[in-house]
């Protein structure tokens, strides 16, 4: 099983490389406390982020993961597996 650092690196490397509409499956989430408690809540924020990348307002909220957020359509978790779904933006 992967450490939280290895899992995060895999997500940041592979997710942007998926074909539009593709899915990335993450296993052994229940064993990875840092991913469950820190990464997934931030990912949830990014799924629902409604900000403006062009905003010059320094106080405006920013996405947690700006390299993933524009490509993220959804993510779903059940027991020990999470699935990140890429949107159809090329």
Protein backbone atom coordinates (compact mmCIF):
# COMPACT_ATOMS: atom_id res chain seq x y z
CA UNK A 1 0.00 0.00 0.00
CA UNK A 2 1.16 3.51 -0.77
CA UNK A 3 2.09 6.19 1.71
CA UNK A 4 0.05 9.40 1.68
CA UNK A 5 2.91 11.20 -0.11
CA UNK A 6 3.08 8.54 -2.82
CA UNK A 7 -0.69 8.59 -3.24
CA UNK A 8 -0.80 12.39 -3.51
CA UNK A 9 2.06 12.36 -6.04
CA UNK A 10 0.22 9.75 -8.10
CA UNK A 11 -2.95 11.86 -8.11
CA UNK A 12 -1.15 15.05 -9.14
CA UNK A 13 0.79 13.18 -11.84
CA UNK A 14 -1.93 10.97 -13.35
CA UNK A 15 -5.16 12.94 -12.97
CA UNK A 16 -4.22 15.78 -15.39
CA UNK A 17 -3.06 13.14 -17.91
CA UNK A 18 -6.39 11.30 -18.04
CA UNK A 19 -8.46 11.55 -21.20
CA UNK A 20 -11.48 13.86 -20.83
CA UNK A 21 -14.20 11.88 -19.04
CA UNK A 22 -11.63 9.45 -17.59
CA UNK A 23 -11.57 8.15 -14.03
CA UNK A 24 -8.78 7.65 -11.51
CA UNK A 25 -9.35 4.94 -8.89
CA UNK A 26 -7.69 5.20 -5.48
CA UNK A 27 -7.52 2.13 -3.27
CA UNK A 28 -6.81 1.57 0.42
CA UNK A 29 -8.20 4.95 1.47
CA UNK A 30 -9.27 3.64 4.89
CA UNK A 31 -5.62 2.84 5.71
CA UNK A 32 -4.40 6.28 4.71
CA UNK A 33 -5.38 8.72 7.46
CA UNK A 34 -3.70 11.79 5.95
CA UNK A 35 -5.45 11.35 2.63
CA UNK A 36 -8.84 10.84 4.34
CA UNK A 37 -8.50 13.69 6.83
CA UNK A 38 -6.62 16.29 4.80
CA UNK A 39 -6.60 15.63 1.05
CA UNK A 40 -10.19 14.47 0.48
CA UNK A 41 -11.83 17.38 2.38
CA UNK A 42 -9.78 19.82 0.30
CA UNK A 43 -10.78 17.97 -2.85
CA UNK A 44 -14.43 18.34 -1.79
CA UNK A 45 -13.89 22.10 -1.45
CA UNK A 46 -12.45 22.21 -4.96
CA UNK A 47 -15.41 20.29 -6.47
CA UNK A 48 -17.70 23.01 -5.08
CA UNK A 49 -15.35 25.98 -5.67
CA UNK A 50 -17.13 28.83 -7.45
CA UNK A 51 -14.32 31.36 -7.62
CA UNK A 52 -12.86 33.30 -10.48
CA UNK A 53 -9.29 32.57 -11.58
CA UNK A 54 -9.02 36.03 -13.13
CA UNK A 55 -10.00 37.86 -9.92
CA UNK A 56 -7.46 40.42 -8.77
CA UNK A 57 -9.04 40.44 -5.31
CA UNK A 58 -6.39 39.11 -2.92
CA UNK A 59 -9.08 38.14 -0.40
CA UNK A 60 -11.00 35.97 -2.88
CA UNK A 61 -10.94 32.26 -2.03
CA UNK A 62 -8.57 30.13 -4.07
CA UNK A 63 -8.89 26.47 -4.97
CA UNK A 64 -6.89 24.09 -2.78
CA UNK A 65 -5.42 22.27 -5.77
CA UNK A 66 -5.33 24.67 -8.75
CA UNK A 67 -3.76 22.11 -11.09
CA UNK A 68 -6.55 19.59 -10.46
CA UNK A 69 -9.61 21.76 -9.76
CA UNK A 70 -10.25 22.96 -13.34
CA UNK A 71 -10.32 19.32 -14.53
CA UNK A 72 -12.30 17.79 -11.65
CA UNK A 73 -15.92 16.89 -12.37
CA UNK A 74 -16.59 14.80 -9.27
CA UNK A 75 -15.22 12.33 -6.81
CA UNK A 76 -16.95 9.49 -5.03
CA UNK A 77 -15.77 7.41 -2.08
CA UNK A 78 -17.16 4.17 -0.73
CA UNK A 79 -15.43 2.15 1.97
CA UNK A 80 -11.79 1.93 0.88
CA UNK A 81 -12.04 3.17 -2.73
CA UNK A 82 -12.36 6.69 -4.16
CA UNK A 83 -12.94 7.54 -7.81
CA UNK A 84 -11.96 10.93 -9.24
CA UNK A 85 -13.82 11.79 -12.44
CA UNK A 86 -12.23 14.13 -14.96
CA UNK A 87 -14.49 16.58 -16.77
CA UNK A 88 -14.64 16.87 -20.57
CA UNK A 89 -12.40 19.93 -20.86
CA UNK A 90 -9.57 19.11 -23.26
